N, C-alpha and C. Protein backbone atom coordinates (compact mmCIF):
# COMPACT_ATOMS: atom_id res chain seq x y z
N MET A 1 85.37 0.47 57.67
CA MET A 1 85.90 0.68 58.82
C MET A 1 86.63 1.74 59.45
N TYR A 2 87.46 2.32 58.77
CA TYR A 2 88.61 3.30 59.10
C TYR A 2 87.89 4.94 58.76
N ILE A 3 86.65 4.72 58.10
CA ILE A 3 86.17 6.01 57.71
C ILE A 3 84.51 5.69 58.39
N HIS A 4 84.15 4.47 58.76
CA HIS A 4 82.74 4.77 59.09
C HIS A 4 82.78 4.82 60.84
N VAL A 5 83.72 4.12 60.97
CA VAL A 5 83.56 4.35 62.75
C VAL A 5 84.26 5.52 63.25
N PRO A 6 84.93 6.22 62.71
CA PRO A 6 85.21 7.65 62.91
C PRO A 6 84.41 8.58 62.67
N ALA A 7 83.60 8.36 61.84
CA ALA A 7 82.73 9.24 61.22
C ALA A 7 81.36 9.29 62.29
N SER A 8 81.08 7.85 62.68
CA SER A 8 79.86 8.11 63.84
C SER A 8 80.27 8.32 65.13
N TRP A 9 81.39 8.11 65.24
CA TRP A 9 82.10 8.42 66.65
C TRP A 9 82.05 10.04 66.70
N GLY A 10 82.56 10.64 65.47
CA GLY A 10 82.28 12.26 65.47
C GLY A 10 81.03 12.72 65.46
N ALA A 11 80.26 12.23 64.74
CA ALA A 11 78.73 12.22 64.88
C ALA A 11 78.02 12.38 66.50
N LEU A 12 78.44 11.57 67.06
CA LEU A 12 77.79 11.31 68.24
C LEU A 12 78.48 12.31 69.48
N SER A 13 80.05 12.38 69.35
CA SER A 13 80.86 13.57 70.00
C SER A 13 80.48 14.71 69.85
N VAL A 14 80.03 14.99 68.22
CA VAL A 14 79.96 16.60 68.18
C VAL A 14 78.43 17.00 68.96
N TYR A 15 77.58 16.06 68.53
CA TYR A 15 75.98 16.32 69.24
C TYR A 15 76.02 16.48 70.43
N THR A 16 77.25 15.57 71.34
CA THR A 16 77.20 15.50 72.78
C THR A 16 77.92 17.18 73.42
N VAL A 17 78.94 17.42 72.43
CA VAL A 17 79.38 18.90 72.74
C VAL A 17 78.25 19.82 72.56
N MET A 18 77.56 19.63 71.32
CA MET A 18 76.36 20.85 71.27
C MET A 18 75.55 20.69 72.51
N ALA A 19 75.22 19.41 72.86
CA ALA A 19 74.30 19.63 74.17
C ALA A 19 75.14 20.49 75.53
N VAL A 20 76.28 19.99 75.71
CA VAL A 20 76.78 20.67 76.67
C VAL A 20 76.69 21.91 76.77
N LEU A 21 77.34 22.52 75.35
CA LEU A 21 77.77 24.10 75.25
C LEU A 21 76.45 24.73 75.32
N SER A 22 75.03 23.78 74.98
CA SER A 22 73.99 24.42 75.11
C SER A 22 73.43 24.61 76.24
N GLY A 23 73.41 23.69 77.04
CA GLY A 23 73.20 23.75 78.55
C GLY A 23 73.87 24.79 79.20
N TRP A 24 75.32 24.58 78.94
CA TRP A 24 76.21 25.64 79.89
C TRP A 24 75.71 27.39 79.13
N GLY A 25 75.42 27.31 77.92
CA GLY A 25 74.93 28.42 77.36
C GLY A 25 73.70 29.25 78.00
N PHE A 26 72.66 28.34 78.38
CA PHE A 26 71.53 28.59 79.57
C PHE A 26 71.94 29.20 80.58
N VAL A 27 72.87 27.89 81.02
CA VAL A 27 73.04 28.52 82.56
C VAL A 27 73.89 29.83 82.84
N ALA A 28 75.02 29.92 82.07
CA ALA A 28 75.81 31.28 82.40
C ALA A 28 75.51 31.90 81.48
N ARG A 29 74.45 32.08 80.64
CA ARG A 29 73.92 33.41 79.66
C ARG A 29 75.21 33.77 79.00
N VAL A 30 76.01 32.97 78.05
CA VAL A 30 77.08 33.15 77.21
C VAL A 30 76.89 32.87 75.96
N PRO A 31 76.66 34.10 75.18
CA PRO A 31 76.14 33.85 73.83
C PRO A 31 77.10 33.39 72.90
N LEU A 32 78.55 33.22 73.20
CA LEU A 32 79.30 32.87 72.31
C LEU A 32 79.21 31.19 72.55
N LEU A 33 79.07 30.99 73.54
CA LEU A 33 78.67 29.10 73.84
C LEU A 33 77.63 28.58 72.63
N HIS A 34 76.80 29.62 72.43
CA HIS A 34 75.58 29.35 71.07
C HIS A 34 75.92 29.74 69.72
N LEU A 35 76.87 30.17 69.98
CA LEU A 35 77.92 30.57 68.36
C LEU A 35 78.60 29.42 68.29
N ILE A 36 79.35 28.87 69.17
CA ILE A 36 80.09 27.53 68.96
C ILE A 36 79.43 26.68 68.73
N THR A 37 78.15 26.26 69.36
CA THR A 37 77.56 25.27 69.01
C THR A 37 76.90 25.47 67.66
N LYS A 38 76.30 26.63 66.88
CA LYS A 38 76.34 26.64 65.65
C LYS A 38 77.44 26.38 65.03
N SER A 39 78.19 26.75 64.90
CA SER A 39 79.53 26.69 64.14
C SER A 39 79.97 25.13 63.77
N ILE A 40 79.84 24.59 65.01
CA ILE A 40 80.19 23.11 64.83
C ILE A 40 78.78 22.12 64.27
N ALA A 41 77.49 22.31 64.52
CA ALA A 41 76.76 21.81 64.02
C ALA A 41 76.89 21.19 62.67
N PRO A 42 77.26 21.77 61.53
CA PRO A 42 77.31 21.56 60.16
C PRO A 42 78.61 20.13 60.18
N VAL A 43 79.48 20.26 60.80
CA VAL A 43 80.47 19.33 61.07
C VAL A 43 79.76 18.20 61.50
N GLY A 44 79.64 18.13 62.64
CA GLY A 44 78.46 16.91 63.14
C GLY A 44 77.55 16.29 62.16
N MET A 45 76.73 17.19 61.40
CA MET A 45 76.12 16.67 60.62
C MET A 45 76.82 16.06 59.28
N ALA A 46 77.75 16.38 58.88
CA ALA A 46 78.66 15.85 58.06
C ALA A 46 78.93 14.31 58.31
N PHE A 47 79.51 14.31 59.28
CA PHE A 47 80.10 12.92 60.31
C PHE A 47 78.57 12.19 60.08
N ALA A 48 77.38 12.69 60.30
CA ALA A 48 76.48 11.80 60.44
C ALA A 48 75.91 11.02 58.93
N LEU A 49 76.17 11.85 58.05
CA LEU A 49 76.03 11.58 56.54
C LEU A 49 77.23 10.69 56.19
N ILE A 50 78.19 11.23 56.70
CA ILE A 50 79.46 9.98 56.09
C ILE A 50 78.99 8.82 56.55
N SER A 51 78.66 8.63 58.34
CA SER A 51 78.47 7.61 58.80
C SER A 51 77.48 6.44 58.22
N LEU A 52 76.19 6.98 57.69
CA LEU A 52 75.07 6.64 57.00
C LEU A 52 75.36 5.96 55.71
N GLY A 53 76.42 6.90 54.89
CA GLY A 53 76.57 6.59 53.31
C GLY A 53 77.61 5.53 53.72
N THR A 54 78.81 5.44 54.51
CA THR A 54 79.45 4.18 54.59
C THR A 54 79.00 3.16 55.10
N GLY A 55 78.07 3.20 55.95
CA GLY A 55 77.10 2.13 56.63
C GLY A 55 76.56 1.52 55.36
N ALA A 56 75.88 2.22 54.54
CA ALA A 56 74.99 1.81 53.38
C ALA A 56 75.84 0.76 52.49
N ILE A 57 77.06 1.45 52.47
CA ILE A 57 77.89 0.97 51.57
C ILE A 57 78.63 -0.38 52.03
N TRP A 58 78.67 -0.61 53.49
CA TRP A 58 78.95 -1.80 53.94
C TRP A 58 78.22 -2.65 54.18
N GLY A 59 76.88 -2.17 54.87
CA GLY A 59 75.67 -3.16 54.75
C GLY A 59 75.25 -3.79 53.42
N LYS A 60 75.58 -3.24 52.24
CA LYS A 60 74.99 -3.77 50.78
C LYS A 60 75.75 -5.54 50.62
N PRO A 61 76.82 -5.59 50.82
CA PRO A 61 77.44 -6.99 50.88
C PRO A 61 77.37 -7.71 52.38
N THR A 62 77.02 -6.90 53.51
CA THR A 62 77.00 -7.89 54.80
C THR A 62 75.51 -8.29 55.06
N TRP A 63 74.55 -7.53 54.79
CA TRP A 63 73.35 -7.78 54.93
C TRP A 63 72.34 -7.80 53.88
N GLY A 64 73.13 -7.54 52.78
CA GLY A 64 72.33 -7.91 51.36
C GLY A 64 71.29 -6.86 51.10
N ALA A 65 70.98 -5.75 51.90
CA ALA A 65 70.21 -4.20 51.53
C ALA A 65 70.91 -3.17 51.82
N TRP A 66 70.93 -2.34 50.99
CA TRP A 66 71.37 -0.80 51.91
C TRP A 66 71.13 -0.15 52.54
N TRP A 67 69.98 -0.40 52.97
CA TRP A 67 68.84 0.18 54.09
C TRP A 67 68.34 -1.28 55.27
N VAL A 68 68.38 -0.97 56.36
CA VAL A 68 67.41 -1.88 57.05
C VAL A 68 67.31 -1.19 58.17
N TRP A 69 65.87 -1.38 58.94
CA TRP A 69 65.30 -0.58 59.96
C TRP A 69 65.57 -1.23 61.06
N ASP A 70 67.16 -1.21 61.27
CA ASP A 70 68.06 -1.64 62.19
C ASP A 70 68.01 -0.57 63.65
N ALA A 71 67.87 -1.13 64.84
CA ALA A 71 67.94 0.21 65.86
C ALA A 71 68.84 1.21 65.73
N ARG A 72 70.29 0.46 65.57
CA ARG A 72 71.24 1.61 65.39
C ARG A 72 70.96 2.50 64.21
N LEU A 73 70.85 1.91 63.32
CA LEU A 73 71.16 2.76 62.10
C LEU A 73 69.73 3.66 62.24
N THR A 74 68.53 3.49 62.53
CA THR A 74 67.31 4.31 62.87
C THR A 74 67.45 5.36 63.73
N SER A 75 68.09 5.05 64.75
CA SER A 75 68.76 6.08 65.64
C SER A 75 69.81 7.01 65.25
N MET A 76 70.61 6.15 64.23
CA MET A 76 71.65 7.40 63.98
C MET A 76 70.84 8.39 62.87
N LEU A 77 69.93 7.74 61.94
CA LEU A 77 68.97 8.70 61.33
C LEU A 77 68.20 9.82 61.46
N LEU A 78 67.86 9.23 62.83
CA LEU A 78 67.33 10.38 63.91
C LEU A 78 68.15 11.48 64.28
N LEU A 79 69.12 10.90 64.53
CA LEU A 79 70.33 12.08 64.97
C LEU A 79 70.85 12.86 63.64
N LEU A 80 70.45 12.44 62.61
CA LEU A 80 70.72 13.30 61.19
C LEU A 80 69.62 14.30 61.22
N PHE A 81 68.56 13.71 61.29
CA PHE A 81 67.30 14.62 61.31
C PHE A 81 67.31 15.65 62.36
N LEU A 82 68.07 15.08 63.67
CA LEU A 82 68.42 16.40 64.96
C LEU A 82 69.02 17.11 64.50
N TYR A 83 70.10 17.04 63.96
CA TYR A 83 70.97 18.02 63.40
C TYR A 83 70.42 19.07 62.42
N GLY A 84 69.79 18.22 61.38
CA GLY A 84 68.80 19.02 60.45
C GLY A 84 68.09 19.98 61.18
N GLY A 85 67.53 19.54 62.04
CA GLY A 85 65.94 20.43 62.76
C GLY A 85 66.99 21.67 63.50
N TYR A 86 68.32 21.29 64.05
CA TYR A 86 68.82 22.52 64.88
C TYR A 86 69.45 23.29 63.78
N TRP A 87 69.61 22.94 62.40
CA TRP A 87 70.05 23.86 61.72
C TRP A 87 69.29 24.50 60.87
N ALA A 88 67.62 24.11 60.65
CA ALA A 88 66.99 24.89 59.98
C ALA A 88 66.33 26.01 61.34
N PHE A 89 66.38 25.81 62.46
CA PHE A 89 66.50 26.74 63.50
C PHE A 89 67.34 27.88 63.33
N VAL A 90 68.56 27.25 63.44
CA VAL A 90 69.20 28.60 63.79
C VAL A 90 69.75 29.48 62.48
N THR A 91 68.96 28.89 61.27
CA THR A 91 69.48 29.65 60.21
C THR A 91 68.25 30.38 59.63
N THR A 92 66.97 29.82 59.76
CA THR A 92 65.75 30.61 59.29
C THR A 92 65.09 31.46 59.96
N VAL A 93 65.22 31.43 61.48
CA VAL A 93 64.27 32.23 62.50
C VAL A 93 64.92 33.31 62.18
N GLU A 94 63.66 34.51 61.83
CA GLU A 94 64.72 35.76 61.51
C GLU A 94 65.34 36.34 62.64
N GLU A 95 64.75 36.49 64.01
CA GLU A 95 65.42 37.02 65.34
C GLU A 95 66.45 36.06 65.44
N GLU A 96 67.74 36.06 65.28
CA GLU A 96 68.69 35.25 65.45
C GLU A 96 68.60 34.62 66.88
N GLU A 97 68.90 35.44 67.69
CA GLU A 97 69.18 35.16 69.36
C GLU A 97 67.69 33.91 69.33
N LYS A 98 66.52 34.26 69.34
CA LYS A 98 65.42 33.27 69.35
C LYS A 98 65.84 32.13 68.62
N GLY A 99 66.44 32.07 67.40
CA GLY A 99 66.87 30.70 66.75
C GLY A 99 67.89 29.72 67.39
N LEU A 100 68.72 30.64 67.96
CA LEU A 100 69.99 29.79 68.74
C LEU A 100 69.31 29.26 69.96
N VAL A 101 68.51 29.92 70.87
CA VAL A 101 67.67 29.50 71.65
C VAL A 101 67.34 28.05 71.67
N ALA A 102 66.61 28.07 70.27
CA ALA A 102 65.37 27.08 69.97
C ALA A 102 66.55 26.10 69.39
N GLY A 103 67.62 26.36 68.59
CA GLY A 103 68.20 25.49 68.30
C GLY A 103 68.98 24.39 69.67
N ALA A 104 69.00 25.41 70.76
CA ALA A 104 69.86 24.82 71.87
C ALA A 104 68.86 24.10 72.42
N VAL A 105 67.38 24.19 72.43
CA VAL A 105 66.60 23.34 73.21
C VAL A 105 66.65 22.22 72.26
N ILE A 106 66.66 22.03 71.18
CA ILE A 106 66.66 20.93 70.35
C ILE A 106 68.11 20.04 70.45
N ALA A 107 69.09 20.75 70.89
CA ALA A 107 70.46 19.93 71.12
C ALA A 107 70.40 19.38 72.72
N LEU A 108 69.70 20.07 73.61
CA LEU A 108 69.67 19.24 74.87
C LEU A 108 68.40 18.44 74.71
N VAL A 109 67.47 18.40 74.20
CA VAL A 109 66.41 17.51 74.13
C VAL A 109 66.73 16.12 73.48
N GLY A 110 67.43 16.43 72.09
CA GLY A 110 67.97 15.46 71.23
C GLY A 110 69.14 14.65 71.96
N TRP A 111 69.88 15.47 72.98
CA TRP A 111 70.84 14.21 73.47
C TRP A 111 70.17 13.13 73.91
N VAL A 112 69.12 12.81 74.42
CA VAL A 112 69.02 11.80 74.65
C VAL A 112 68.80 10.64 73.81
N ASN A 113 68.90 10.99 72.30
CA ASN A 113 69.23 10.22 71.31
C ASN A 113 70.31 9.63 71.39
N VAL A 114 71.70 10.00 71.96
CA VAL A 114 73.08 9.60 72.13
C VAL A 114 73.33 8.53 72.40
N PRO A 115 72.60 8.25 74.12
CA PRO A 115 72.94 7.28 74.61
C PRO A 115 72.24 5.54 73.69
N VAL A 116 71.04 6.31 72.89
CA VAL A 116 69.88 5.19 72.85
C VAL A 116 70.88 4.49 71.52
N ILE A 117 71.71 5.16 70.84
CA ILE A 117 72.55 4.70 69.85
C ILE A 117 73.67 4.17 70.28
N LYS A 118 74.28 4.60 71.24
CA LYS A 118 74.98 3.59 71.84
C LYS A 118 75.00 2.46 72.43
N GLY A 119 73.68 2.23 73.01
CA GLY A 119 73.16 1.33 73.73
C GLY A 119 72.02 0.41 72.82
N SER A 120 71.61 0.69 71.68
CA SER A 120 70.69 0.02 70.93
C SER A 120 71.44 -1.17 70.49
N VAL A 121 72.27 -1.64 70.25
CA VAL A 121 72.92 -3.00 69.70
C VAL A 121 72.76 -3.87 71.07
N GLU A 122 72.99 -3.29 72.08
CA GLU A 122 72.87 -4.39 73.53
C GLU A 122 71.28 -4.58 73.85
N TRP A 123 70.44 -3.55 73.93
CA TRP A 123 69.32 -3.42 74.36
C TRP A 123 68.47 -4.41 73.21
N TRP A 124 68.73 -4.11 71.97
CA TRP A 124 67.29 -4.53 71.18
C TRP A 124 68.30 -5.63 70.10
N HIS A 125 67.69 -6.75 69.49
CA HIS A 125 68.24 -7.69 68.92
C HIS A 125 68.11 -6.91 67.53
N THR A 126 69.20 -6.60 66.83
CA THR A 126 69.86 -5.84 65.60
C THR A 126 70.63 -6.63 64.95
N LEU A 127 70.86 -5.94 63.54
CA LEU A 127 71.89 -6.85 62.71
C LEU A 127 73.21 -6.07 62.90
N HIS A 128 73.31 -4.90 63.58
CA HIS A 128 74.78 -4.27 63.65
C HIS A 128 75.49 -4.63 64.70
N GLN A 129 76.44 -4.94 64.60
CA GLN A 129 77.49 -5.53 65.37
C GLN A 129 77.80 -4.90 66.61
N PRO A 130 77.89 -5.48 67.70
CA PRO A 130 77.90 -4.96 68.83
C PRO A 130 79.17 -4.08 69.01
N ALA A 131 79.65 -3.54 70.37
CA ALA A 131 80.87 -2.74 70.27
C ALA A 131 82.36 -3.34 70.30
N SER A 132 83.25 -3.06 69.58
CA SER A 132 84.46 -3.68 69.32
C SER A 132 85.04 -3.14 69.81
N VAL A 133 85.67 -2.14 70.11
CA VAL A 133 86.76 -1.12 70.89
C VAL A 133 86.24 -0.44 72.13
N LEU A 134 85.30 0.45 72.19
CA LEU A 134 84.78 0.83 73.11
C LEU A 134 83.89 -0.12 74.11
N ARG A 135 84.36 -0.79 74.97
CA ARG A 135 83.98 -1.72 75.76
C ARG A 135 84.60 -2.32 77.19
N PHE A 136 84.02 -2.49 78.24
CA PHE A 136 84.61 -2.98 79.46
C PHE A 136 85.55 -3.67 79.46
N ALA A 137 85.30 -5.12 78.72
CA ALA A 137 86.46 -5.82 78.67
C ALA A 137 87.30 -5.39 77.23
N LYS A 138 88.63 -6.19 77.20
CA LYS A 138 89.41 -5.97 76.28
C LYS A 138 88.81 -5.73 74.85
N PRO A 139 89.35 -4.78 74.11
CA PRO A 139 88.80 -4.63 72.65
C PRO A 139 89.07 -5.88 71.85
N ALA A 140 87.87 -6.28 71.25
CA ALA A 140 87.69 -7.36 70.38
C ALA A 140 88.79 -7.30 68.88
N VAL A 141 89.00 -5.88 68.63
CA VAL A 141 90.02 -5.81 67.58
C VAL A 141 91.37 -5.86 67.85
N HIS A 142 92.39 -6.53 67.06
CA HIS A 142 93.28 -6.75 66.91
C HIS A 142 94.03 -5.48 66.92
N TRP A 143 95.36 -5.25 67.83
CA TRP A 143 96.03 -4.04 67.86
C TRP A 143 96.06 -3.18 66.13
N THR A 144 96.62 -4.78 65.49
CA THR A 144 96.90 -4.06 64.19
C THR A 144 96.14 -3.48 63.09
N MET A 145 94.79 -3.63 63.63
CA MET A 145 93.51 -2.65 62.91
C MET A 145 93.29 -1.81 63.79
N LEU A 146 93.53 -1.81 65.23
CA LEU A 146 92.92 -0.95 66.17
C LEU A 146 94.05 0.26 66.02
N THR A 147 95.03 0.23 66.16
CA THR A 147 95.70 1.23 65.82
C THR A 147 95.87 2.62 64.93
N PRO A 148 95.51 1.68 63.53
CA PRO A 148 95.02 3.01 62.42
C PRO A 148 93.49 3.21 62.69
N LEU A 149 92.95 2.66 63.14
CA LEU A 149 90.96 2.97 63.74
C LEU A 149 91.60 4.40 64.62
N LEU A 150 92.36 4.17 65.95
CA LEU A 150 92.54 5.05 66.63
C LEU A 150 93.21 6.43 65.87
N CYS A 151 94.29 6.04 65.04
CA CYS A 151 94.56 7.18 64.45
C CYS A 151 93.63 8.20 63.35
N MET A 152 92.55 7.29 62.73
CA MET A 152 91.81 7.86 61.79
C MET A 152 90.74 8.86 62.97
N ALA A 153 90.67 7.92 63.87
CA ALA A 153 89.67 8.74 64.92
C ALA A 153 90.16 10.26 65.23
N MET A 154 91.57 10.04 65.67
CA MET A 154 92.35 11.28 65.90
C MET A 154 92.32 12.47 64.66
N ALA A 155 92.38 11.93 63.49
CA ALA A 155 92.36 12.62 62.31
C ALA A 155 91.47 13.35 61.99
N PHE A 156 90.39 12.62 62.08
CA PHE A 156 88.93 13.05 62.00
C PHE A 156 88.39 13.83 63.45
N ALA A 157 88.98 13.97 64.62
CA ALA A 157 88.84 14.65 65.56
C ALA A 157 89.44 15.96 65.42
N ALA A 158 90.60 15.73 64.89
CA ALA A 158 91.36 16.94 64.32
C ALA A 158 90.76 18.00 63.38
N PHE A 159 90.03 17.28 62.31
CA PHE A 159 89.70 17.95 61.21
C PHE A 159 88.29 18.51 61.40
N GLY A 160 87.38 17.80 62.42
CA GLY A 160 86.09 18.65 62.94
C GLY A 160 86.64 19.61 63.94
N PHE A 161 87.69 19.52 64.39
CA PHE A 161 88.09 20.93 65.44
C PHE A 161 88.55 22.07 64.28
N VAL A 162 89.32 21.88 63.28
CA VAL A 162 89.58 22.72 62.69
C VAL A 162 88.28 23.18 61.64
N LEU A 163 87.84 22.58 61.79
CA LEU A 163 86.40 22.68 60.36
C LEU A 163 85.63 23.72 61.38
N GLY A 164 85.56 23.36 62.89
CA GLY A 164 84.52 24.30 63.66
C GLY A 164 85.08 25.59 64.26
N ILE A 165 86.44 25.52 64.11
CA ILE A 165 87.45 27.01 64.46
C ILE A 165 86.99 27.94 63.47
N ILE A 166 87.06 27.34 62.07
CA ILE A 166 86.85 27.99 60.77
C ILE A 166 85.76 28.63 60.72
N ARG A 167 84.54 27.72 60.85
CA ARG A 167 82.98 27.85 60.94
C ARG A 167 82.94 29.18 61.81
N LEU A 168 83.52 29.21 63.33
CA LEU A 168 83.37 29.93 64.10
C LEU A 168 83.87 31.44 64.03
N ARG A 169 85.06 31.43 63.56
CA ARG A 169 85.63 32.57 62.82
C ARG A 169 84.71 33.16 61.86
N THR A 170 84.02 32.57 60.70
CA THR A 170 83.24 33.21 59.72
C THR A 170 82.12 33.75 60.50
N GLU A 171 81.15 33.00 61.62
CA GLU A 171 80.18 33.68 62.43
C GLU A 171 80.65 34.76 62.92
N LEU A 172 81.69 34.92 63.48
CA LEU A 172 82.31 36.07 64.54
C LEU A 172 82.09 37.33 63.74
N ASN A 173 82.89 36.87 62.34
CA ASN A 173 82.92 37.98 61.17
C ASN A 173 81.71 38.66 60.50
N ALA A 174 80.88 37.55 60.41
CA ALA A 174 79.85 37.93 59.80
C ALA A 174 78.94 38.95 61.01
N ARG A 175 79.07 38.59 62.24
CA ARG A 175 78.31 39.21 63.48
C ARG A 175 78.88 40.60 63.09
N LYS A 176 80.19 40.79 62.94
CA LYS A 176 81.19 42.07 63.17
C LYS A 176 80.30 43.15 61.80
N ILE A 177 80.35 42.53 60.78
CA ILE A 177 80.10 42.96 59.40
C ILE A 177 78.75 43.53 60.08
N ARG A 178 77.64 42.70 60.48
CA ARG A 178 76.29 43.17 60.69
C ARG A 178 76.36 44.59 61.56
N ALA A 179 76.81 44.19 62.51
CA ALA A 179 77.17 45.31 63.88
C ALA A 179 77.73 46.78 63.09
N LEU A 180 78.90 46.65 62.12
CA LEU A 180 79.22 48.05 61.44
C LEU A 180 78.16 48.54 60.68
N GLN A 181 77.44 47.66 59.99
CA GLN A 181 76.60 47.66 58.74
C GLN A 181 75.66 48.86 59.66
N ILE A 182 75.07 48.06 60.83
CA ILE A 182 74.04 48.74 61.48
C ILE A 182 74.35 49.97 62.12
N ARG A 183 75.50 50.25 62.84
CA ARG A 183 76.40 51.24 63.22
C ARG A 183 76.15 52.26 62.18
N GLU A 184 76.73 52.03 61.10
CA GLU A 184 77.06 52.91 59.90
C GLU A 184 75.78 53.26 59.45
N GLY A 185 74.97 52.73 59.32
CA GLY A 185 73.41 52.98 59.18
C GLY A 185 73.27 53.02 57.41
N LEU A 186 73.88 51.81 57.00
CA LEU A 186 73.73 51.05 55.76
C LEU A 186 72.93 50.20 55.27
N PRO A 187 71.77 50.39 55.38
CA PRO A 187 70.55 49.48 55.07
C PRO A 187 70.52 48.83 54.08
N HIS A 188 71.01 49.52 52.50
CA HIS A 188 71.45 48.65 51.50
C HIS A 188 72.33 47.68 51.72
N LEU A 189 73.51 47.41 52.43
CA LEU A 189 74.17 46.86 52.68
C LEU A 189 73.52 45.54 53.49
N GLN A 190 72.67 45.74 54.50
CA GLN A 190 72.19 45.12 55.38
C GLN A 190 71.37 43.97 54.48
N LYS A 191 70.77 44.47 53.63
CA LYS A 191 69.81 43.37 52.50
C LYS A 191 70.75 42.64 51.61
N GLU A 192 71.80 43.30 51.25
CA GLU A 192 72.66 42.14 50.41
C GLU A 192 73.46 41.15 51.29
N ALA A 193 73.76 41.32 52.34
CA ALA A 193 74.38 40.35 53.09
C ALA A 193 73.55 39.32 53.74
N ALA A 194 72.08 39.84 53.82
CA ALA A 194 71.24 38.62 54.34
C ALA A 194 70.65 37.87 52.79
């Protein structure tokens, strides 16, 4: 619970931030916002993988199977595929700007899945338990369990933020190196960097 739930929250939060930054990047025409989105995408993908992996471990003794085609699990798997699709576009399209724009479209359109993940247990009959913490009534989790859960959620958020900053710094440094290589006219180094 202390890894699965924060990882799930992290995967949903990172994708929401990606969608917001992508929309803002389109409206304001700020390329840095698309780079930030590219930098945090692997973090969100890792959170989604952790969520699905720990959910399978938790599901085996609870439901008797590693995987069930439950609405929440299936929509979470779709989120992982959206992360993968985003990453495929931003890393494989030859012209980087076009890849970032295509990825931004995936982030914006794919965000529709986030409310589906959140509402799936209320909308459809599922095996997954409903919300215990983030609900309008008093949380159904006792404070002795809620406190460490929230501490882990903050730790995941801080860890994700630090990883995102490190990845952004790496992206910016790679761009500087490519710009210097182009300016210096060193085509042999351009091929090695690619």
